[in-house]
Amino acid sequence: MTFRDHSAAHQYELDHEAGPSFARYRDGQGVRAILHVETPSAARGQGHAAALMAALVADARDKGVKLTPICGYARAWFARHAEAQDVLG
């Protein structure tokens, strides 16, 4: 799988065989708000969205960016992953 921050589109992307999963974001006030996370229906339930979240957390750490989960999936993912709390802003 290939991960990238497609900054021109304001979204993180994770390519896989069923098509890309993505997390749309908005930057402002020193944080990056995660607005919406989506995986193609053919790939749901296979862990692609979770892999995308783990990759975007790693990217945020590398860049020193704080994240605020807005969408329900992102909030639930952070609630299940105490090890990622350091990037919340």
PDB file of N, CA and C in Angstrom:
ATOM      1  N   MET A   1       0.845  -1.185   0.000  1.00  0.00           N
ATOM      2  CA  MET A   1       0.000   0.000   0.000  1.00  0.00           C
ATOM      3  C   MET A   1       0.886   1.243   0.000  1.00  0.00           C
ATOM      4  N   THR A   2       0.413   2.261  -0.670  1.00  0.00           N
ATOM      5  CA  THR A   2       1.147   3.515  -0.779  1.00  0.00           C
ATOM      6  C   THR A   2       0.375   4.619  -0.073  1.00  0.00           C
ATOM      7  N   PHE A   3       1.050   5.313   0.844  1.00  0.00           N
ATOM      8  CA  PHE A   3       0.463   6.410   1.601  1.00  0.00           C
ATOM      9  C   PHE A   3       1.042   7.730   1.108  1.00  0.00           C
ATOM     10  N   ARG A   4       0.192   8.761   1.061  1.00  0.00           N
ATOM     11  CA  ARG A   4       0.681  10.096   0.731  1.00  0.00           C
ATOM     12  C   ARG A   4      -0.243  11.157   1.334  1.00  0.00           C
ATOM     13  N   ASP A   5       0.352  12.321   1.562  1.00  0.00           N
ATOM     14  CA  ASP A   5      -0.402  13.514   1.931  1.00  0.00           C
ATOM     15  C   ASP A   5      -0.588  14.288   0.641  1.00  0.00           C
ATOM     16  N   HIS A   6      -1.768  14.239   0.085  1.00  0.00           N
ATOM     17  CA  HIS A   6      -2.075  14.965  -1.153  1.00  0.00           C
ATOM     18  C   HIS A   6      -2.554  16.356  -0.731  1.00  0.00           C
ATOM     19  N   SER A   7      -1.584  17.198  -0.399  1.00  0.00           N
ATOM     20  CA  SER A   7      -1.887  18.490   0.211  1.00  0.00           C
ATOM     21  C   SER A   7      -2.729  19.397  -0.686  1.00  0.00           C
ATOM     22  N   ALA A   8      -2.562  19.328  -1.997  1.00  0.00           N
ATOM     23  CA  ALA A   8      -3.366  20.164  -2.897  1.00  0.00           C
ATOM     24  C   ALA A   8      -4.852  19.831  -2.784  1.00  0.00           C
ATOM     25  N   ALA A   9      -5.163  18.580  -2.480  1.00  0.00           N
ATOM     26  CA  ALA A   9      -6.559  18.142  -2.321  1.00  0.00           C
ATOM     27  C   ALA A   9      -6.990  18.136  -0.854  1.00  0.00           C
ATOM     28  N   HIS A  10      -6.080  18.489   0.054  1.00  0.00           N
ATOM     29  CA  HIS A  10      -6.348  18.481   1.491  1.00  0.00           C
ATOM     30  C   HIS A  10      -6.843  17.112   1.956  1.00  0.00           C
ATOM     31  N   GLN A  11      -6.094  16.085   1.564  1.00  0.00           N
ATOM     32  CA  GLN A  11      -6.443  14.755   2.027  1.00  0.00           C
ATOM     33  C   GLN A  11      -5.239  13.831   2.037  1.00  0.00           C
ATOM     34  N   TYR A  12      -5.279  12.931   3.001  1.00  0.00           N
ATOM     35  CA  TYR A  12      -4.334  11.824   3.041  1.00  0.00           C
ATOM     36  C   TYR A  12      -4.931  10.719   2.190  1.00  0.00           C
ATOM     37  N   GLU A  13      -4.076   9.938   1.540  1.00  0.00           N
ATOM     38  CA  GLU A  13      -4.550   8.850   0.693  1.00  0.00           C
ATOM     39  C   GLU A  13      -3.722   7.592   0.946  1.00  0.00           C
ATOM     40  N   LEU A  14      -4.386   6.470   0.896  1.00  0.00           N
ATOM     41  CA  LEU A  14      -3.733   5.175   1.017  1.00  0.00           C
ATOM     42  C   LEU A  14      -4.251   4.314  -0.128  1.00  0.00           C
ATOM     43  N   ASP A  15      -3.364   4.014  -1.078  1.00  0.00           N
ATOM     44  CA  ASP A  15      -3.746   3.193  -2.230  1.00  0.00           C
ATOM     45  C   ASP A  15      -3.691   1.716  -1.861  1.00  0.00           C
ATOM     46  N   HIS A  16      -4.660   0.976  -2.349  1.00  0.00           N
ATOM     47  CA  HIS A  16      -4.690  -0.480  -2.221  1.00  0.00           C
ATOM     48  C   HIS A  16      -5.464  -1.038  -3.402  1.00  0.00           C
ATOM     49  N   GLU A  17      -5.517  -2.335  -3.509  1.00  0.00           N
ATOM     50  CA  GLU A  17      -6.083  -2.976  -4.693  1.00  0.00           C
ATOM     51  C   GLU A  17      -7.540  -2.626  -4.968  1.00  0.00           C
ATOM     52  N   ALA A  18      -8.309  -2.258  -3.965  1.00  0.00           N
ATOM     53  CA  ALA A  18      -9.723  -1.932  -4.156  1.00  0.00           C
ATOM     54  C   ALA A  18      -9.946  -0.449  -4.441  1.00  0.00           C
ATOM     55  N   GLY A  19      -8.881   0.322  -4.534  1.00  0.00           N
ATOM     56  CA  GLY A  19      -8.985   1.765  -4.742  1.00  0.00           C
ATOM     57  C   GLY A  19      -8.527   2.496  -3.500  1.00  0.00           C
ATOM     58  N   PRO A  20      -8.354   3.802  -3.570  1.00  0.00           N
ATOM     59  CA  PRO A  20      -7.779   4.530  -2.441  1.00  0.00           C
ATOM     60  C   PRO A  20      -8.768   4.763  -1.297  1.00  0.00           C
ATOM     61  N   SER A  21      -8.240   4.653  -0.092  1.00  0.00           N
ATOM     62  CA  SER A  21      -8.925   5.162   1.088  1.00  0.00           C
ATOM     63  C   SER A  21      -8.417   6.580   1.268  1.00  0.00           C
ATOM     64  N   PHE A  22      -9.226   7.446   1.855  1.00  0.00           N
ATOM     65  CA  PHE A  22      -8.762   8.816   2.042  1.00  0.00           C
ATOM     66  C   PHE A  22      -9.300   9.396   3.334  1.00  0.00           C
ATOM     67  N   ALA A  23      -8.593  10.408   3.824  1.00  0.00           N
ATOM     68  CA  ALA A  23      -9.011  11.174   4.992  1.00  0.00           C
ATOM     69  C   ALA A  23      -8.894  12.643   4.619  1.00  0.00           C
ATOM     70  N   ARG A  24     -10.014  13.305   4.495  1.00  0.00           N
ATOM     71  CA  ARG A  24      -9.999  14.734   4.170  1.00  0.00           C
ATOM     72  C   ARG A  24      -9.687  15.529   5.429  1.00  0.00           C
ATOM     73  N   TYR A  25      -8.961  16.622   5.246  1.00  0.00           N
ATOM     74  CA  TYR A  25      -8.606  17.449   6.395  1.00  0.00           C
ATOM     75  C   TYR A  25      -8.690  18.930   6.062  1.00  0.00           C
ATOM     76  N   ARG A  26      -8.686  19.720   7.154  1.00  0.00           N
ATOM     77  CA  ARG A  26      -8.646  21.178   7.043  1.00  0.00           C
ATOM     78  C   ARG A  26      -7.645  21.671   8.067  1.00  0.00           C
ATOM     79  N   ASP A  27      -6.746  22.547   7.643  1.00  0.00           N
ATOM     80  CA  ASP A  27      -5.763  23.130   8.545  1.00  0.00           C
ATOM     81  C   ASP A  27      -6.273  24.456   9.083  1.00  0.00           C
ATOM     82  N   GLY A  28      -5.989  24.697  10.356  1.00  0.00           N
ATOM     83  CA  GLY A  28      -6.358  25.977  10.940  1.00  0.00           C
ATOM     84  C   GLY A  28      -6.052  26.026  12.420  1.00  0.00           C
ATOM     85  N   GLN A  29      -5.690  27.197  12.885  1.00  0.00           N
ATOM     86  CA  GLN A  29      -5.424  27.445  14.299  1.00  0.00           C
ATOM     87  C   GLN A  29      -4.447  26.442  14.897  1.00  0.00           C
ATOM     88  N   GLY A  30      -3.424  26.092  14.133  1.00  0.00           N
ATOM     89  CA  GLY A  30      -2.366  25.232  14.631  1.00  0.00           C
ATOM     90  C   GLY A  30      -2.680  23.749  14.693  1.00  0.00           C
ATOM     91  N   VAL A  31      -3.837  23.347  14.171  1.00  0.00           N
ATOM     92  CA  VAL A  31      -4.194  21.926  14.154  1.00  0.00           C
ATOM     93  C   VAL A  31      -4.718  21.541  12.781  1.00  0.00           C
ATOM     94  N   ARG A  32      -4.670  20.263  12.517  1.00  0.00           N
ATOM     95  CA  ARG A  32      -5.231  19.696  11.294  1.00  0.00           C
ATOM     96  C   ARG A  32      -6.467  18.894  11.703  1.00  0.00           C
ATOM     97  N   ALA A  33      -7.625  19.365  11.277  1.00  0.00           N
ATOM     98  CA  ALA A  33      -8.884  18.685  11.588  1.00  0.00           C
ATOM     99  C   ALA A  33      -9.128  17.576  10.582  1.00  0.00           C
ATOM    100  N   ILE A  34      -9.341  16.357  11.062  1.00  0.00           N
ATOM    101  CA  ILE A  34      -9.677  15.218  10.206  1.00  0.00           C
ATOM    102  C   ILE A  34     -11.200  15.222  10.044  1.00  0.00           C
ATOM    103  N   LEU A  35     -11.644  15.588   8.850  1.00  0.00           N
ATOM    104  CA  LEU A  35     -13.068  15.832   8.591  1.00  0.00           C
ATOM    105  C   LEU A  35     -13.850  14.593   8.188  1.00  0.00           C
ATOM    106  N   HIS A  36     -13.222  13.723   7.409  1.00  0.00           N
ATOM    107  CA  HIS A  36     -13.959  12.589   6.848  1.00  0.00           C
ATOM    108  C   HIS A  36     -12.972  11.507   6.440  1.00  0.00           C
ATOM    109  N   VAL A  37     -13.248  10.281   6.829  1.00  0.00           N
ATOM    110  CA  VAL A  37     -12.424   9.132   6.441  1.00  0.00           C
ATOM    111  C   VAL A  37     -13.321   8.184   5.655  1.00  0.00           C
ATOM    112  N   GLU A  38     -12.823   7.729   4.508  1.00  0.00           N
ATOM    113  CA  GLU A  38     -13.638   6.842   3.669  1.00  0.00           C
ATOM    114  C   GLU A  38     -12.770   5.781   2.999  1.00  0.00           C
ATOM    115  N   THR A  39     -13.322   4.593   2.914  1.00  0.00           N
ATOM    116  CA  THR A  39     -12.706   3.466   2.219  1.00  0.00           C
ATOM    117  C   THR A  39     -13.720   2.948   1.204  1.00  0.00           C
ATOM    118  N   PRO A  40     -13.281   2.559   0.001  1.00  0.00           N
ATOM    119  CA  PRO A  40     -14.224   2.007  -0.973  1.00  0.00           C
ATOM    120  C   PRO A  40     -14.994   0.829  -0.373  1.00  0.00           C
ATOM    121  N   SER A  41     -16.242   0.698  -0.742  1.00  0.00           N
ATOM    122  CA  SER A  41     -17.088  -0.350  -0.155  1.00  0.00           C
ATOM    123  C   SER A  41     -16.490  -1.741  -0.338  1.00  0.00           C
ATOM    124  N   ALA A  42     -15.815  -1.994  -1.437  1.00  0.00           N
ATOM    125  CA  ALA A  42     -15.211  -3.314  -1.676  1.00  0.00           C
ATOM    126  C   ALA A  42     -14.074  -3.620  -0.712  1.00  0.00           C
ATOM    127  N   ALA A  43     -13.521  -2.596  -0.086  1.00  0.00           N
ATOM    128  CA  ALA A  43     -12.369  -2.793   0.809  1.00  0.00           C
ATOM    129  C   ALA A  43     -12.734  -2.659   2.286  1.00  0.00           C
ATOM    130  N   ARG A  44     -13.960  -2.366   2.594  1.00  0.00           N
ATOM    131  CA  ARG A  44     -14.362  -2.166   3.993  1.00  0.00           C
ATOM    132  C   ARG A  44     -14.233  -3.460   4.779  1.00  0.00           C
ATOM    133  N   GLY A  45     -13.865  -3.297   6.041  1.00  0.00           N
ATOM    134  CA  GLY A  45     -13.713  -4.440   6.922  1.00  0.00           C
ATOM    135  C   GLY A  45     -12.386  -5.155   6.791  1.00  0.00           C
ATOM    136  N   GLN A  46     -11.470  -4.605   6.019  1.00  0.00           N
ATOM    137  CA  GLN A  46     -10.173  -5.243   5.797  1.00  0.00           C
ATOM    138  C   GLN A  46      -9.023  -4.495   6.472  1.00  0.00           C
ATOM    139  N   GLY A  47      -9.346  -3.456   7.249  1.00  0.00           N
ATOM    140  CA  GLY A  47      -8.322  -2.733   7.994  1.00  0.00           C
ATOM    141  C   GLY A  47      -7.657  -1.593   7.249  1.00  0.00           C
ATOM    142  N   HIS A  48      -8.168  -1.239   6.070  1.00  0.00           N
ATOM    143  CA  HIS A  48      -7.535  -0.171   5.292  1.00  0.00           C
ATOM    144  C   HIS A  48      -7.687   1.191   5.957  1.00  0.00           C
ATOM    145  N   ALA A  49      -8.853   1.489   6.500  1.00  0.00           N
ATOM    146  CA  ALA A  49      -9.043   2.780   7.163  1.00  0.00           C
ATOM    147  C   ALA A  49      -8.160   2.875   8.404  1.00  0.00           C
ATOM    148  N   ALA A  50      -8.031   1.784   9.135  1.00  0.00           N
ATOM    149  CA  ALA A  50      -7.155   1.773  10.310  1.00  0.00           C
ATOM    150  C   ALA A  50      -5.700   1.974   9.912  1.00  0.00           C
ATOM    151  N   ALA A  51      -5.282   1.360   8.814  1.00  0.00           N
ATOM    152  CA  ALA A  51      -3.915   1.549   8.317  1.00  0.00           C
ATOM    153  C   ALA A  51      -3.698   2.989   7.882  1.00  0.00           C
ATOM    154  N   LEU A  52      -4.706   3.585   7.258  1.00  0.00           N
ATOM    155  CA  LEU A  52      -4.630   4.991   6.869  1.00  0.00           C
ATOM    156  C   LEU A  52      -4.477   5.877   8.101  1.00  0.00           C
ATOM    157  N   MET A  53      -5.254   5.616   9.137  1.00  0.00           N
ATOM    158  CA  MET A  53      -5.161   6.414  10.363  1.00  0.00           C
ATOM    159  C   MET A  53      -3.780   6.284  10.997  1.00  0.00           C
ATOM    160  N   ALA A  54      -3.252   5.074  11.059  1.00  0.00           N
ATOM    161  CA  ALA A  54      -1.916   4.875  11.640  1.00  0.00           C
ATOM    162  C   ALA A  54      -0.869   5.629  10.828  1.00  0.00           C
ATOM    163  N   ALA A  55      -0.990   5.615   9.512  1.00  0.00           N
ATOM    164  CA  ALA A  55      -0.034   6.312   8.657  1.00  0.00           C
ATOM    165  C   ALA A  55      -0.147   7.823   8.804  1.00  0.00           C
ATOM    166  N   LEU A  56      -1.350   8.342   8.913  1.00  0.00           N
ATOM    167  CA  LEU A  56      -1.481   9.789   9.046  1.00  0.00           C
ATOM    168  C   LEU A  56      -1.014  10.268  10.413  1.00  0.00           C
ATOM    169  N   VAL A  57      -1.157   9.438  11.445  1.00  0.00           N
ATOM    170  CA  VAL A  57      -0.607   9.773  12.759  1.00  0.00           C
ATOM    171  C   VAL A  57       0.918   9.823  12.686  1.00  0.00           C
ATOM    172  N   ALA A  58       1.526   8.854  12.026  1.00  0.00           N
ATOM    173  CA  ALA A  58       2.987   8.848  11.863  1.00  0.00           C
ATOM    174  C   ALA A  58       3.437  10.081  11.088  1.00  0.00           C
ATOM    175  N   ASP A  59       2.695  10.451  10.061  1.00  0.00           N
ATOM    176  CA  ASP A  59       3.024  11.637   9.278  1.00  0.00           C
ATOM    177  C   ASP A  59       2.911  12.898  10.134  1.00  0.00           C
ATOM    178  N   ALA A  60       1.866  12.972  10.951  1.00  0.00           N
ATOM    179  CA  ALA A  60       1.691  14.128  11.833  1.00  0.00           C
ATOM    180  C   ALA A  60       2.857  14.233  12.818  1.00  0.00           C
ATOM    181  N   ARG A  61       3.293  13.115  13.362  1.00  0.00           N
ATOM    182  CA  ARG A  61       4.448  13.127  14.267  1.00  0.00           C
ATOM    183  C   ARG A  61       5.691  13.630  13.551  1.00  0.00           C
ATOM    184  N   ASP A  62       5.929  13.121  12.355  1.00  0.00           N
ATOM    185  CA  ASP A  62       7.107  13.529  11.578  1.00  0.00           C
ATOM    186  C   ASP A  62       7.107  15.023  11.287  1.00  0.00           C
ATOM    187  N   LYS A  63       5.923  15.579  11.021  1.00  0.00           N
ATOM    188  CA  LYS A  63       5.807  16.996  10.654  1.00  0.00           C
ATOM    189  C   LYS A  63       5.552  17.908  11.851  1.00  0.00           C
ATOM    190  N   GLY A  64       5.331  17.322  13.029  1.00  0.00           N
ATOM    191  CA  GLY A  64       5.023  18.128  14.206  1.00  0.00           C
ATOM    192  C   GLY A  64       3.647  18.768  14.150  1.00  0.00           C
ATOM    193  N   VAL A  65       2.706  18.074  13.503  1.00  0.00           N
ATOM    194  CA  VAL A  65       1.340  18.570  13.338  1.00  0.00           C
ATOM    195  C   VAL A  65       0.443  17.941  14.393  1.00  0.00           C
ATOM    196  N   LYS A  66      -0.448  18.740  14.965  1.00  0.00           N
ATOM    197  CA  LYS A  66      -1.454  18.227  15.894  1.00  0.00           C
ATOM    198  C   LYS A  66      -2.745  17.960  15.119  1.00  0.00           C
ATOM    199  N   LEU A  67      -3.461  16.935  15.512  1.00  0.00           N
ATOM    200  CA  LEU A  67      -4.685  16.514  14.832  1.00  0.00           C
ATOM    201  C   LEU A  67      -5.894  16.668  15.743  1.00  0.00           C
ATOM    202  N   THR A  68      -7.021  16.987  15.138  1.00  0.00           N
ATOM    203  CA  THR A  68      -8.306  17.007  15.834  1.00  0.00           C
ATOM    204  C   THR A  68      -9.273  16.159  15.024  1.00  0.00           C
ATOM    205  N   PRO A  69      -9.716  15.035  15.585  1.00  0.00           N
ATOM    206  CA  PRO A  69     -10.668  14.192  14.841  1.00  0.00           C
ATOM    207  C   PRO A  69     -12.078  14.785  14.904  1.00  0.00           C
ATOM    208  N   ILE A  70     -12.640  15.047  13.755  1.00  0.00           N
ATOM    209  CA  ILE A  70     -14.006  15.567  13.649  1.00  0.00           C
ATOM    210  C   ILE A  70     -14.971  14.444  13.275  1.00  0.00           C
ATOM    211  N   CYS A  71     -14.593  13.633  12.292  1.00  0.00           N
ATOM    212  CA  CYS A  71     -15.504  12.577  11.837  1.00  0.00           C
ATOM    213  C   CYS A  71     -15.593  11.452  12.872  1.00  0.00           C
ATOM    214  N   GLY A  72     -16.693  10.761  12.845  1.00  0.00           N
ATOM    215  CA  GLY A  72     -16.952   9.694  13.814  1.00  0.00           C
ATOM    216  C   GLY A  72     -15.924   8.584  13.769  1.00  0.00           C
ATOM    217  N   TYR A  73     -15.511   8.179  12.575  1.00  0.00           N
ATOM    218  CA  TYR A  73     -14.526   7.097  12.486  1.00  0.00           C
ATOM    219  C   TYR A  73     -13.212   7.520  13.119  1.00  0.00           C
ATOM    220  N   ALA A  74     -12.732   8.723  12.806  1.00  0.00           N
ATOM    221  CA  ALA A  74     -11.461   9.196  13.363  1.00  0.00           C
ATOM    222  C   ALA A  74     -11.551   9.305  14.882  1.00  0.00           C
ATOM    223  N   ARG A  75     -12.656   9.808  15.415  1.00  0.00           N
ATOM    224  CA  ARG A  75     -12.823   9.896  16.879  1.00  0.00           C
ATOM    225  C   ARG A  75     -12.791   8.504  17.507  1.00  0.00           C
ATOM    226  N   ALA A  76     -13.487   7.567  16.903  1.00  0.00           N
ATOM    227  CA  ALA A  76     -13.513   6.198  17.433  1.00  0.00           C
ATOM    228  C   ALA A  76     -12.132   5.557  17.355  1.00  0.00           C
ATOM    229  N   TRP A  77     -11.407   5.788  16.257  1.00  0.00           N
ATOM    230  CA  TRP A  77     -10.068   5.223  16.116  1.00  0.00           C
ATOM    231  C   TRP A  77      -9.145   5.752  17.216  1.00  0.00           C
ATOM    232  N   PHE A  78      -9.175   7.050  17.455  1.00  0.00           N
ATOM    233  CA  PHE A  78      -8.331   7.621  18.511  1.00  0.00           C
ATOM    234  C   PHE A  78      -8.736   7.105  19.886  1.00  0.00           C
ATOM    235  N   ALA A  79     -10.017   6.872  20.105  1.00  0.00           N
ATOM    236  CA  ALA A  79     -10.474   6.335  21.397  1.00  0.00           C
ATOM    237  C   ALA A  79      -9.917   4.930  21.636  1.00  0.00           C
ATOM    238  N   ARG A  80      -9.678   4.170  20.572  1.00  0.00           N
ATOM    239  CA  ARG A  80      -9.153   2.808  20.685  1.00  0.00           C
ATOM    240  C   ARG A  80      -7.624   2.753  20.683  1.00  0.00           C
ATOM    241  N   HIS A  81      -6.956   3.869  20.412  1.00  0.00           N
ATOM    242  CA  HIS A  81      -5.507   3.871  20.252  1.00  0.00           C
ATOM    243  C   HIS A  81      -4.851   4.899  21.169  1.00  0.00           C
ATOM    244  N   ALA A  82      -4.649   4.492  22.413  1.00  0.00           N
ATOM    245  CA  ALA A  82      -4.041   5.386  23.402  1.00  0.00           C
ATOM    246  C   ALA A  82      -2.643   5.822  22.990  1.00  0.00           C
ATOM    247  N   GLU A  83      -1.942   4.986  22.226  1.00  0.00           N
ATOM    248  CA  GLU A  83      -0.592   5.313  21.800  1.00  0.00           C
ATOM    249  C   GLU A  83      -0.533   6.486  20.820  1.00  0.00           C
ATOM    250  N   ALA A  84      -1.685   6.903  20.291  1.00  0.00           N
ATOM    251  CA  ALA A  84      -1.723   8.001  19.325  1.00  0.00           C
ATOM    252  C   ALA A  84      -2.184   9.319  19.942  1.00  0.00           C
ATOM    253  N   GLN A  85      -2.441   9.314  21.231  1.00  0.00           N
ATOM    254  CA  GLN A  85      -2.975  10.521  21.893  1.00  0.00           C
ATOM    255  C   GLN A  85      -2.019  11.701  21.841  1.00  0.00           C
ATOM    256  N   ASP A  86      -0.726  11.438  21.663  1.00  0.00           N
ATOM    257  CA  ASP A  86       0.262  12.521  21.661  1.00  0.00           C
ATOM    258  C   ASP A  86       0.104  13.478  20.487  1.00  0.00           C
ATOM    259  N   VAL A  87      -0.593  13.088  19.433  1.00  0.00           N
ATOM    260  CA  VAL A  87      -0.759  13.967  18.277  1.00  0.00           C
ATOM    261  C   VAL A  87      -2.056  14.772  18.328  1.00  0.00           C
ATOM    262  N   LEU A  88      -2.869  14.532  19.345  1.00  0.00           N
ATOM    263  CA  LEU A  88      -4.133  15.265  19.446  1.00  0.00           C
ATOM    264  C   LEU A  88      -3.883  16.698  19.903  1.00  0.00           C
ATOM    265  N   GLY A  89      -4.579  17.605  19.280  1.00  0.00           N
ATOM    266  CA  GLY A  89      -4.398  19.020  19.635  1.00  0.00           C
ATOM    267  C   GLY A  89      -5.694  19.728  19.850  1.00  0.00           C
TER     268      GLY A  89
END
